[in-house]
Amino acid sequence: MARPTPASGSGAVVTGLTVAALAVVAFFAYQASAADDGPRAAEPPAASSPADGSGGADGGTGGTDGETEGPPAVPAESGRGKRVVYALGQQRVWLVDTAEDGSGEVVTETYEVFPSPVRPPVGEYAVSSRAAQGTGSDGVAIEHAVVFHVAGDGTVFGFSAALDGSTPDPGAEQRTGGVRQSRRDGDAMWLFATAGVPVVVVP
């Protein structure tokens, strides 16, 4: 019996389909290879705690590189309750108050200051006098002077702001004890540090 002969051209059709399928497979394989060799999408950064200025006693706030850190924390061993904290080494002041809900303490303001040549001894003092305007011991017109200590030699230690915005020369020969602030910061100190408010000076 004679064998049936395949329809004319069917072999060519099968061959053509096979070649097309191989071409598609090769194309996808090329794309997969290119994706492996190409740059990968950046992974999202690890989550970090917000910098709120409430870090540990060393002032650290955590966070990752590139993030803006909050202000340094209130120094440890600086007392409790409403008070002004003045850190000699950091040349910084904190205005600390008690929370209205009794949950703890809050920092209402913190800022850098500009000390004079003589610095007060470490210790706890209290606001003893205030003057809305006057003249500093360096002869500069000042406002919002808040005095917390007068040494035995007559050196007056207190916070004030110069009307002309100047700052004292820490290398000056004249022995003065004023601690200068910007006028804005002087306003904050004036409103906060009323008579009798403790002023704690730390290293």
N, C-alpha and C. Protein backbone atom coordinates (compact mmCIF):
# COMPACT_ATOMS: atom_id res chain seq x y z
N MET A 1 0.86 -1.18 0.00
CA MET A 1 0.00 0.00 0.00
C MET A 1 0.89 1.23 0.00
N ALA A 2 0.45 2.16 -0.79
CA ALA A 2 1.25 3.39 -0.87
C ALA A 2 1.05 4.24 0.36
N ARG A 3 2.15 4.81 0.92
CA ARG A 3 2.07 5.70 2.08
C ARG A 3 1.50 7.05 1.67
N PRO A 4 0.71 7.67 2.64
CA PRO A 4 0.18 9.00 2.31
C PRO A 4 1.29 10.03 2.28
N THR A 5 1.22 10.84 1.32
CA THR A 5 2.24 11.89 1.16
C THR A 5 1.79 13.14 1.89
N PRO A 6 2.67 13.76 2.75
CA PRO A 6 2.27 15.00 3.46
C PRO A 6 1.85 16.05 2.48
N ALA A 7 0.94 16.91 2.96
CA ALA A 7 0.47 17.99 2.10
C ALA A 7 1.64 18.85 1.70
N SER A 8 1.57 19.38 0.54
CA SER A 8 2.66 20.18 -0.03
C SER A 8 2.90 21.41 0.85
N GLY A 9 4.18 21.67 1.22
CA GLY A 9 4.57 22.88 1.97
C GLY A 9 4.43 22.76 3.47
N SER A 10 3.91 21.63 4.00
CA SER A 10 3.72 21.53 5.46
C SER A 10 5.04 21.50 6.20
N GLY A 11 6.06 20.89 5.63
CA GLY A 11 7.38 20.86 6.27
C GLY A 11 7.95 22.25 6.41
N ALA A 12 7.73 23.06 5.43
CA ALA A 12 8.24 24.44 5.49
C ALA A 12 7.54 25.23 6.57
N VAL A 13 6.21 24.96 6.73
CA VAL A 13 5.46 25.68 7.76
C VAL A 13 5.98 25.32 9.15
N VAL A 14 6.19 23.99 9.40
CA VAL A 14 6.71 23.55 10.69
C VAL A 14 8.07 24.15 10.95
N THR A 15 8.91 24.13 9.96
CA THR A 15 10.26 24.69 10.12
C THR A 15 10.18 26.17 10.43
N GLY A 16 9.30 26.89 9.76
CA GLY A 16 9.16 28.33 10.00
C GLY A 16 8.68 28.62 11.41
N LEU A 17 7.70 27.82 11.90
CA LEU A 17 7.21 28.02 13.27
C LEU A 17 8.31 27.74 14.28
N THR A 18 9.10 26.72 14.06
CA THR A 18 10.18 26.38 14.99
C THR A 18 11.20 27.52 15.07
N VAL A 19 11.57 28.06 13.95
CA VAL A 19 12.54 29.17 13.92
C VAL A 19 11.99 30.38 14.65
N ALA A 20 10.69 30.68 14.45
CA ALA A 20 10.07 31.84 15.11
C ALA A 20 10.05 31.64 16.62
N ALA A 21 9.72 30.40 17.05
CA ALA A 21 9.68 30.12 18.49
C ALA A 21 11.05 30.27 19.11
N LEU A 22 12.06 29.76 18.41
CA LEU A 22 13.43 29.89 18.93
C LEU A 22 13.85 31.35 19.02
N ALA A 23 13.42 32.16 18.07
CA ALA A 23 13.77 33.58 18.08
C ALA A 23 13.15 34.28 19.27
N VAL A 24 11.89 33.95 19.59
CA VAL A 24 11.21 34.56 20.74
C VAL A 24 11.91 34.17 22.03
N VAL A 25 12.23 32.86 22.17
CA VAL A 25 12.92 32.39 23.36
C VAL A 25 14.26 33.09 23.52
N ALA A 26 14.99 33.23 22.43
CA ALA A 26 16.30 33.90 22.49
C ALA A 26 16.16 35.35 22.90
N PHE A 27 15.11 36.03 22.42
CA PHE A 27 14.87 37.44 22.76
C PHE A 27 14.63 37.62 24.25
N PHE A 28 13.74 36.75 24.83
CA PHE A 28 13.46 36.86 26.26
C PHE A 28 14.69 36.51 27.10
N ALA A 29 15.47 35.53 26.63
CA ALA A 29 16.69 35.18 27.35
C ALA A 29 17.65 36.35 27.36
N TYR A 30 17.73 37.09 26.25
CA TYR A 30 18.61 38.26 26.17
C TYR A 30 18.14 39.36 27.13
N GLN A 31 16.83 39.57 27.19
CA GLN A 31 16.31 40.58 28.11
C GLN A 31 16.61 40.23 29.56
N ALA A 32 16.44 38.96 29.92
CA ALA A 32 16.72 38.53 31.29
C ALA A 32 18.18 38.74 31.63
N SER A 33 19.05 38.43 30.67
CA SER A 33 20.49 38.60 30.89
C SER A 33 20.83 40.07 31.06
N ALA A 34 20.23 40.93 30.26
CA ALA A 34 20.51 42.37 30.36
C ALA A 34 20.02 42.93 31.68
N ALA A 35 18.88 42.43 32.16
CA ALA A 35 18.34 42.92 33.44
C ALA A 35 19.25 42.54 34.59
N ASP A 36 19.87 41.32 34.51
CA ASP A 36 20.77 40.88 35.56
C ASP A 36 22.02 41.73 35.61
N ASP A 37 22.50 42.16 34.41
CA ASP A 37 23.75 42.90 34.34
C ASP A 37 23.55 44.39 34.58
N GLY A 38 22.34 44.90 34.42
CA GLY A 38 22.09 46.33 34.52
C GLY A 38 22.00 46.78 35.96
N PRO A 39 21.90 48.10 36.16
CA PRO A 39 21.79 48.63 37.52
C PRO A 39 20.48 48.23 38.18
N ARG A 40 20.54 48.00 39.49
CA ARG A 40 19.34 47.62 40.24
C ARG A 40 18.74 48.86 40.88
N ALA A 41 17.46 48.81 41.10
CA ALA A 41 16.78 49.91 41.76
C ALA A 41 17.29 50.03 43.19
N ALA A 42 17.47 51.28 43.66
CA ALA A 42 17.96 51.49 45.01
C ALA A 42 16.93 51.01 46.03
N GLU A 43 17.43 50.35 47.06
CA GLU A 43 16.54 49.89 48.10
C GLU A 43 16.17 51.05 49.00
N PRO A 44 14.96 51.07 49.53
CA PRO A 44 14.57 52.18 50.40
C PRO A 44 15.41 52.22 51.66
N PRO A 45 15.74 53.44 52.17
CA PRO A 45 16.57 53.53 53.37
C PRO A 45 15.86 52.96 54.58
N ALA A 46 16.66 52.51 55.53
CA ALA A 46 16.08 51.96 56.76
C ALA A 46 15.39 53.05 57.54
N ALA A 47 14.31 52.69 58.19
CA ALA A 47 13.57 53.68 58.97
C ALA A 47 14.39 54.12 60.16
N SER A 48 14.25 55.41 60.56
CA SER A 48 14.99 55.93 61.70
C SER A 48 14.06 56.76 62.55
N SER A 49 14.46 56.94 63.80
CA SER A 49 13.64 57.73 64.71
C SER A 49 13.76 59.19 64.36
N PRO A 50 12.69 59.96 64.48
CA PRO A 50 12.77 61.39 64.20
C PRO A 50 13.66 62.08 65.20
N ALA A 51 14.39 63.08 64.73
CA ALA A 51 15.25 63.85 65.62
C ALA A 51 14.42 64.93 66.28
N ASP A 52 14.15 64.77 67.56
CA ASP A 52 13.30 65.73 68.25
C ASP A 52 14.01 66.43 69.39
N GLY A 53 15.33 66.26 69.45
CA GLY A 53 16.07 66.92 70.51
C GLY A 53 15.95 66.25 71.86
N SER A 54 15.37 65.04 71.88
CA SER A 54 15.17 64.37 73.16
C SER A 54 16.09 63.18 73.30
N GLY A 55 17.31 63.28 72.72
CA GLY A 55 18.25 62.18 72.81
C GLY A 55 18.79 62.00 74.20
N GLY A 56 19.83 61.14 74.33
CA GLY A 56 20.38 60.84 75.64
C GLY A 56 21.16 62.00 76.20
N ALA A 57 21.79 61.75 77.34
CA ALA A 57 22.52 62.81 78.02
C ALA A 57 23.70 63.30 77.21
N ASP A 58 24.21 62.47 76.28
CA ASP A 58 25.33 62.90 75.48
C ASP A 58 24.90 63.76 74.29
N GLY A 59 23.60 64.00 74.16
CA GLY A 59 23.13 64.89 73.11
C GLY A 59 22.86 64.20 71.80
N GLY A 60 23.12 62.88 71.69
CA GLY A 60 22.88 62.18 70.43
C GLY A 60 21.41 62.04 70.14
N THR A 61 21.07 62.11 68.86
CA THR A 61 19.67 61.98 68.49
C THR A 61 19.44 60.83 67.54
N GLY A 62 20.48 60.03 67.27
CA GLY A 62 20.29 58.93 66.33
C GLY A 62 20.21 59.47 64.93
N GLY A 63 19.38 58.81 64.08
CA GLY A 63 19.22 59.28 62.72
C GLY A 63 20.28 58.68 61.83
N THR A 64 20.15 58.92 60.54
CA THR A 64 21.09 58.40 59.57
C THR A 64 21.85 59.54 58.95
N ASP A 65 22.92 59.20 58.21
CA ASP A 65 23.73 60.21 57.55
C ASP A 65 22.86 61.03 56.62
N GLY A 66 23.08 62.33 56.63
CA GLY A 66 22.33 63.20 55.73
C GLY A 66 21.11 63.81 56.37
N GLU A 67 20.70 63.29 57.53
CA GLU A 67 19.54 63.85 58.20
C GLU A 67 19.99 64.96 59.13
N THR A 68 19.16 65.96 59.29
CA THR A 68 19.47 67.05 60.18
C THR A 68 19.19 66.62 61.62
N GLU A 69 20.21 66.70 62.46
CA GLU A 69 20.03 66.32 63.85
C GLU A 69 19.38 67.45 64.61
N GLY A 70 18.64 67.08 65.67
CA GLY A 70 18.03 68.08 66.50
C GLY A 70 19.06 68.71 67.42
N PRO A 71 18.67 69.69 68.23
CA PRO A 71 19.60 70.33 69.15
C PRO A 71 20.05 69.35 70.23
N PRO A 72 21.20 69.63 70.86
CA PRO A 72 21.69 68.73 71.91
C PRO A 72 20.70 68.65 73.07
N ALA A 73 20.70 67.50 73.71
CA ALA A 73 19.81 67.29 74.86
C ALA A 73 20.30 68.08 76.06
N VAL A 74 19.41 68.31 76.99
CA VAL A 74 19.77 68.99 78.23
C VAL A 74 20.85 68.15 78.94
N PRO A 75 21.94 68.77 79.38
CA PRO A 75 22.99 68.00 80.06
C PRO A 75 22.47 67.25 81.28
N ALA A 76 23.03 66.08 81.49
CA ALA A 76 22.67 65.30 82.67
C ALA A 76 23.14 66.02 83.93
N GLU A 77 22.54 65.70 85.05
CA GLU A 77 22.91 66.28 86.34
C GLU A 77 22.81 67.80 86.31
N SER A 78 21.75 68.31 85.71
CA SER A 78 21.57 69.77 85.65
C SER A 78 20.36 70.21 86.46
N GLY A 79 19.93 69.38 87.40
CA GLY A 79 18.82 69.76 88.25
C GLY A 79 17.48 69.32 87.69
N ARG A 80 16.43 69.76 88.35
CA ARG A 80 15.07 69.42 87.94
C ARG A 80 14.18 70.63 88.08
N GLY A 81 13.04 70.57 87.41
CA GLY A 81 12.08 71.66 87.50
C GLY A 81 12.43 72.82 86.57
N LYS A 82 11.71 73.91 86.72
CA LYS A 82 11.95 75.08 85.88
C LYS A 82 13.32 75.65 86.20
N ARG A 83 14.14 75.88 85.16
CA ARG A 83 15.50 76.35 85.38
C ARG A 83 16.14 76.78 84.05
N VAL A 84 17.18 77.57 84.18
CA VAL A 84 18.06 77.89 83.06
C VAL A 84 19.31 77.03 83.21
N VAL A 85 19.68 76.32 82.16
CA VAL A 85 20.89 75.50 82.19
C VAL A 85 21.90 76.13 81.23
N TYR A 86 23.08 76.41 81.75
CA TYR A 86 24.15 77.04 80.95
C TYR A 86 25.35 76.10 80.94
N ALA A 87 25.69 75.54 79.76
CA ALA A 87 26.83 74.63 79.62
C ALA A 87 28.03 75.42 79.11
N LEU A 88 29.06 75.50 79.94
CA LEU A 88 30.25 76.29 79.59
C LEU A 88 30.95 75.73 78.35
N GLY A 89 31.13 74.41 78.32
CA GLY A 89 31.85 73.80 77.21
C GLY A 89 31.13 73.94 75.88
N GLN A 90 29.82 73.76 75.89
CA GLN A 90 29.05 73.85 74.65
C GLN A 90 28.67 75.28 74.30
N GLN A 91 28.86 76.20 75.26
CA GLN A 91 28.44 77.60 75.08
C GLN A 91 26.99 77.64 74.61
N ARG A 92 26.15 76.97 75.38
CA ARG A 92 24.74 76.82 75.02
C ARG A 92 23.87 76.93 76.26
N VAL A 93 22.66 77.45 76.05
CA VAL A 93 21.69 77.62 77.11
C VAL A 93 20.44 76.82 76.79
N TRP A 94 19.83 76.23 77.81
CA TRP A 94 18.53 75.58 77.68
C TRP A 94 17.57 76.25 78.67
N LEU A 95 16.39 76.57 78.23
CA LEU A 95 15.33 77.06 79.11
C LEU A 95 14.39 75.88 79.33
N VAL A 96 14.42 75.33 80.52
CA VAL A 96 13.70 74.09 80.82
C VAL A 96 12.52 74.40 81.73
N ASP A 97 11.36 73.88 81.39
CA ASP A 97 10.16 74.08 82.20
C ASP A 97 9.50 72.72 82.44
N THR A 98 8.55 72.69 83.35
CA THR A 98 7.80 71.46 83.60
C THR A 98 6.60 71.41 82.67
N ALA A 99 6.27 70.22 82.20
CA ALA A 99 5.13 70.06 81.30
C ALA A 99 3.84 70.38 82.04
N GLU A 100 2.90 70.99 81.33
CA GLU A 100 1.64 71.39 81.95
C GLU A 100 0.84 70.20 82.46
N ASP A 101 1.00 69.05 81.80
CA ASP A 101 0.24 67.87 82.22
C ASP A 101 0.98 67.06 83.29
N GLY A 102 2.12 67.58 83.74
CA GLY A 102 2.86 66.91 84.80
C GLY A 102 3.62 65.68 84.34
N SER A 103 3.77 65.51 83.03
CA SER A 103 4.42 64.30 82.50
C SER A 103 5.94 64.37 82.51
N GLY A 104 6.50 65.52 82.84
CA GLY A 104 7.95 65.62 82.84
C GLY A 104 8.40 67.04 82.55
N GLU A 105 9.51 67.17 81.84
CA GLU A 105 10.08 68.47 81.52
C GLU A 105 10.05 68.73 80.03
N VAL A 106 10.03 70.00 79.66
CA VAL A 106 10.09 70.40 78.25
C VAL A 106 11.12 71.51 78.11
N VAL A 107 11.81 71.50 76.98
CA VAL A 107 12.75 72.57 76.66
C VAL A 107 12.01 73.59 75.82
N THR A 108 11.82 74.78 76.36
CA THR A 108 11.09 75.80 75.62
C THR A 108 11.99 76.49 74.60
N GLU A 109 13.27 76.61 74.93
CA GLU A 109 14.24 77.21 74.00
C GLU A 109 15.62 76.63 74.30
N THR A 110 16.46 76.54 73.27
CA THR A 110 17.88 76.25 73.45
C THR A 110 18.63 76.96 72.34
N TYR A 111 19.77 77.56 72.70
CA TYR A 111 20.52 78.35 71.71
C TYR A 111 21.95 78.55 72.19
N GLU A 112 22.80 78.94 71.26
CA GLU A 112 24.20 79.21 71.57
C GLU A 112 24.35 80.62 72.14
N VAL A 113 25.35 80.79 72.99
CA VAL A 113 25.62 82.09 73.59
C VAL A 113 27.09 82.44 73.37
N PHE A 114 27.45 83.68 73.74
CA PHE A 114 28.80 84.19 73.51
C PHE A 114 29.37 84.71 74.82
N PRO A 115 30.20 83.92 75.50
CA PRO A 115 30.71 84.31 76.82
C PRO A 115 31.81 85.36 76.75
N SER A 116 31.97 86.06 77.86
CA SER A 116 33.05 87.02 78.04
C SER A 116 34.29 86.29 78.55
N PRO A 117 35.39 87.02 78.78
CA PRO A 117 36.63 86.34 79.21
C PRO A 117 36.51 85.54 80.50
N VAL A 118 35.69 86.00 81.46
CA VAL A 118 35.58 85.32 82.75
C VAL A 118 34.30 84.50 82.77
N ARG A 119 34.42 83.26 83.18
CA ARG A 119 33.25 82.38 83.23
C ARG A 119 32.87 82.07 84.68
N PRO A 120 31.60 81.90 84.94
CA PRO A 120 31.18 81.62 86.32
C PRO A 120 31.59 80.22 86.74
N PRO A 121 31.82 80.01 88.04
CA PRO A 121 32.11 78.65 88.53
C PRO A 121 30.90 77.75 88.30
N VAL A 122 31.17 76.47 88.10
CA VAL A 122 30.09 75.49 87.98
C VAL A 122 29.31 75.47 89.29
N GLY A 123 27.98 75.44 89.18
CA GLY A 123 27.16 75.41 90.37
C GLY A 123 25.74 75.87 90.09
N GLU A 124 24.95 75.96 91.14
CA GLU A 124 23.55 76.39 90.98
C GLU A 124 23.36 77.77 91.59
N TYR A 125 22.75 78.65 90.83
CA TYR A 125 22.50 80.02 91.25
C TYR A 125 21.01 80.31 91.07
N ALA A 126 20.65 81.57 91.18
CA ALA A 126 19.27 81.99 90.93
C ALA A 126 19.30 83.41 90.39
N VAL A 127 18.30 83.76 89.60
CA VAL A 127 18.23 85.12 89.06
C VAL A 127 18.06 86.09 90.22
N SER A 128 19.03 87.01 90.34
CA SER A 128 19.03 87.94 91.48
C SER A 128 18.58 89.35 91.10
N SER A 129 18.78 89.74 89.86
CA SER A 129 18.33 91.06 89.42
C SER A 129 18.15 91.05 87.90
N ARG A 130 17.37 92.02 87.43
CA ARG A 130 17.09 92.15 86.00
C ARG A 130 17.04 93.63 85.64
N ALA A 131 17.37 93.91 84.38
CA ALA A 131 17.31 95.29 83.90
C ALA A 131 16.89 95.26 82.44
N ALA A 132 15.83 96.02 82.13
CA ALA A 132 15.33 96.04 80.76
C ALA A 132 16.36 96.63 79.80
N GLN A 133 17.07 97.66 80.24
CA GLN A 133 18.12 98.28 79.43
C GLN A 133 19.23 98.76 80.33
N GLY A 134 20.40 98.95 79.76
CA GLY A 134 21.52 99.44 80.55
C GLY A 134 22.80 99.40 79.74
N THR A 135 23.91 99.41 80.45
CA THR A 135 25.23 99.37 79.82
C THR A 135 26.00 98.21 80.43
N GLY A 136 26.54 97.36 79.57
CA GLY A 136 27.31 96.22 80.04
C GLY A 136 28.62 96.65 80.65
N SER A 137 29.27 95.72 81.36
CA SER A 137 30.55 96.04 81.98
C SER A 137 31.64 96.30 80.96
N ASP A 138 31.36 95.97 79.69
CA ASP A 138 32.31 96.27 78.62
C ASP A 138 31.98 97.59 77.93
N GLY A 139 30.99 98.33 78.46
CA GLY A 139 30.64 99.63 77.92
C GLY A 139 29.66 99.60 76.77
N VAL A 140 29.12 98.43 76.41
CA VAL A 140 28.19 98.29 75.28
C VAL A 140 26.76 98.43 75.78
N ALA A 141 25.93 99.14 75.02
CA ALA A 141 24.52 99.28 75.39
C ALA A 141 23.83 97.93 75.25
N ILE A 142 23.10 97.52 76.30
CA ILE A 142 22.48 96.20 76.31
C ILE A 142 21.01 96.31 76.70
N GLU A 143 20.30 95.21 76.49
CA GLU A 143 18.92 95.09 76.93
C GLU A 143 18.70 93.72 77.53
N HIS A 144 17.65 93.60 78.31
CA HIS A 144 17.22 92.33 78.89
C HIS A 144 18.35 91.62 79.64
N ALA A 145 18.95 92.35 80.56
CA ALA A 145 20.01 91.78 81.39
C ALA A 145 19.40 90.95 82.52
N VAL A 146 19.87 89.72 82.64
CA VAL A 146 19.40 88.80 83.68
C VAL A 146 20.63 88.36 84.48
N VAL A 147 20.81 88.90 85.67
CA VAL A 147 21.99 88.63 86.48
C VAL A 147 21.72 87.47 87.43
N PHE A 148 22.69 86.55 87.54
CA PHE A 148 22.51 85.40 88.44
C PHE A 148 23.64 85.22 89.44
N HIS A 149 24.74 85.97 89.30
CA HIS A 149 25.84 85.80 90.26
C HIS A 149 26.77 87.00 90.19
N VAL A 150 27.23 87.46 91.37
CA VAL A 150 28.26 88.49 91.46
C VAL A 150 29.40 87.90 92.29
N ALA A 151 30.58 87.78 91.67
CA ALA A 151 31.72 87.17 92.34
C ALA A 151 32.29 88.11 93.40
N GLY A 152 33.16 87.57 94.26
CA GLY A 152 33.75 88.35 95.33
C GLY A 152 34.56 89.53 94.83
N ASP A 153 35.13 89.42 93.63
CA ASP A 153 35.93 90.52 93.08
C ASP A 153 35.08 91.54 92.33
N GLY A 154 33.74 91.33 92.37
CA GLY A 154 32.84 92.28 91.72
C GLY A 154 32.44 91.91 90.30
N THR A 155 32.97 90.82 89.76
CA THR A 155 32.60 90.40 88.41
C THR A 155 31.14 89.98 88.38
N VAL A 156 30.38 90.58 87.46
CA VAL A 156 28.95 90.30 87.36
C VAL A 156 28.70 89.28 86.26
N PHE A 157 27.97 88.22 86.61
CA PHE A 157 27.64 87.18 85.62
C PHE A 157 26.15 87.25 85.33
N GLY A 158 25.84 87.37 84.06
CA GLY A 158 24.44 87.43 83.66
C GLY A 158 24.31 87.35 82.16
N PHE A 159 23.09 87.17 81.70
CA PHE A 159 22.78 87.08 80.28
C PHE A 159 22.24 88.43 79.81
N SER A 160 22.60 88.81 78.60
CA SER A 160 22.11 90.07 78.04
C SER A 160 22.26 90.03 76.53
N ALA A 161 21.68 91.02 75.88
CA ALA A 161 21.80 91.15 74.42
C ALA A 161 22.26 92.57 74.10
N ALA A 162 23.25 92.70 73.24
CA ALA A 162 23.75 94.01 72.84
C ALA A 162 22.80 94.63 71.82
N LEU A 163 22.52 95.91 72.00
CA LEU A 163 21.60 96.57 71.07
C LEU A 163 22.17 96.61 69.65
N ASP A 164 23.49 96.65 69.52
CA ASP A 164 24.09 96.68 68.19
C ASP A 164 24.39 95.28 67.65
N GLY A 165 24.01 94.24 68.41
CA GLY A 165 24.21 92.87 67.96
C GLY A 165 25.62 92.36 68.13
N SER A 166 26.50 93.12 68.79
CA SER A 166 27.89 92.69 68.94
C SER A 166 28.01 91.60 70.00
N THR A 167 29.13 90.90 69.95
CA THR A 167 29.42 89.85 70.92
C THR A 167 30.73 90.18 71.62
N PRO A 168 30.93 89.72 72.84
CA PRO A 168 32.16 90.05 73.58
C PRO A 168 33.38 89.35 73.00
N ASP A 169 34.53 89.92 73.27
CA ASP A 169 35.79 89.32 72.85
C ASP A 169 36.29 88.45 73.99
N PRO A 170 36.26 87.11 73.81
CA PRO A 170 36.69 86.24 74.91
C PRO A 170 38.16 86.39 75.27
N GLY A 171 38.94 87.03 74.39
CA GLY A 171 40.36 87.22 74.67
C GLY A 171 40.69 88.60 75.19
N ALA A 172 39.68 89.39 75.47
CA ALA A 172 39.92 90.76 75.95
C ALA A 172 40.58 90.74 77.33
N GLU A 173 41.37 91.77 77.60
CA GLU A 173 42.05 91.85 78.89
C GLU A 173 41.10 92.26 80.00
N GLN A 174 40.05 93.00 79.65
CA GLN A 174 39.10 93.43 80.67
C GLN A 174 38.32 92.24 81.21
N ARG A 175 38.29 92.11 82.53
CA ARG A 175 37.65 90.95 83.15
C ARG A 175 36.15 91.22 83.30
N THR A 176 35.39 90.70 82.34
CA THR A 176 33.93 90.84 82.38
C THR A 176 33.30 89.45 82.36
N GLY A 177 32.06 89.37 82.87
CA GLY A 177 31.41 88.06 82.99
C GLY A 177 30.09 87.96 82.26
N GLY A 178 29.79 88.95 81.44
CA GLY A 178 28.52 88.91 80.72
C GLY A 178 28.47 87.78 79.70
N VAL A 179 27.28 87.21 79.52
CA VAL A 179 27.05 86.17 78.53
C VAL A 179 26.08 86.75 77.51
N ARG A 180 26.56 87.00 76.30
CA ARG A 180 25.74 87.67 75.31
C ARG A 180 24.90 86.68 74.52
N GLN A 181 23.71 87.15 74.12
CA GLN A 181 22.77 86.38 73.31
C GLN A 181 22.33 87.27 72.15
N SER A 182 21.71 86.66 71.17
CA SER A 182 21.08 87.47 70.13
C SER A 182 19.89 88.19 70.76
N ARG A 183 19.40 89.20 70.11
CA ARG A 183 18.28 89.95 70.69
C ARG A 183 17.03 89.07 70.77
N ARG A 184 16.83 88.21 69.79
CA ARG A 184 15.68 87.30 69.83
C ARG A 184 15.79 86.37 71.03
N ASP A 185 16.99 85.78 71.22
CA ASP A 185 17.18 84.87 72.35
C ASP A 185 17.11 85.62 73.67
N GLY A 186 17.56 86.87 73.67
CA GLY A 186 17.45 87.68 74.87
C GLY A 186 16.00 87.92 75.26
N ASP A 187 15.14 88.07 74.27
CA ASP A 187 13.70 88.21 74.56
C ASP A 187 13.17 86.97 75.26
N ALA A 188 13.56 85.79 74.74
CA ALA A 188 13.09 84.53 75.32
C ALA A 188 13.59 84.39 76.76
N MET A 189 14.86 84.72 76.99
CA MET A 189 15.42 84.64 78.35
C MET A 189 14.68 85.60 79.28
N TRP A 190 14.42 86.79 78.83
CA TRP A 190 13.77 87.81 79.65
C TRP A 190 12.38 87.35 80.10
N LEU A 191 11.63 86.75 79.21
CA LEU A 191 10.30 86.28 79.55
C LEU A 191 10.33 85.06 80.47
N PHE A 192 11.37 84.26 80.34
CA PHE A 192 11.44 82.99 81.09
C PHE A 192 12.08 83.17 82.47
N ALA A 193 13.22 83.85 82.51
CA ALA A 193 14.03 83.89 83.73
C ALA A 193 13.65 85.06 84.61
N THR A 194 12.55 84.92 85.31
CA THR A 194 12.12 85.95 86.26
C THR A 194 12.91 85.77 87.55
N ALA A 195 12.74 86.72 88.47
CA ALA A 195 13.50 86.70 89.72
C ALA A 195 13.31 85.38 90.46
N GLY A 196 14.43 84.82 90.91
CA GLY A 196 14.40 83.59 91.69
C GLY A 196 14.47 82.31 90.89
N VAL A 197 14.33 82.37 89.57
CA VAL A 197 14.43 81.16 88.76
C VAL A 197 15.85 80.62 88.83
N PRO A 198 16.04 79.32 89.10
CA PRO A 198 17.39 78.74 89.19
C PRO A 198 18.15 78.83 87.87
N VAL A 199 19.45 79.07 88.00
CA VAL A 199 20.37 79.05 86.87
C VAL A 199 21.45 78.03 87.21
N VAL A 200 21.50 76.94 86.45
CA VAL A 200 22.45 75.87 86.73
C VAL A 200 23.57 75.93 85.71
N VAL A 201 24.80 76.13 86.19
CA VAL A 201 25.97 76.19 85.32
C VAL A 201 26.68 74.84 85.40
N VAL A 202 26.85 74.21 84.23
CA VAL A 202 27.51 72.90 84.15
C VAL A 202 28.77 73.04 83.30
N PRO A 203 29.70 72.10 83.42
CA PRO A 203 30.97 72.20 82.66
C PRO A 203 30.75 72.27 81.16
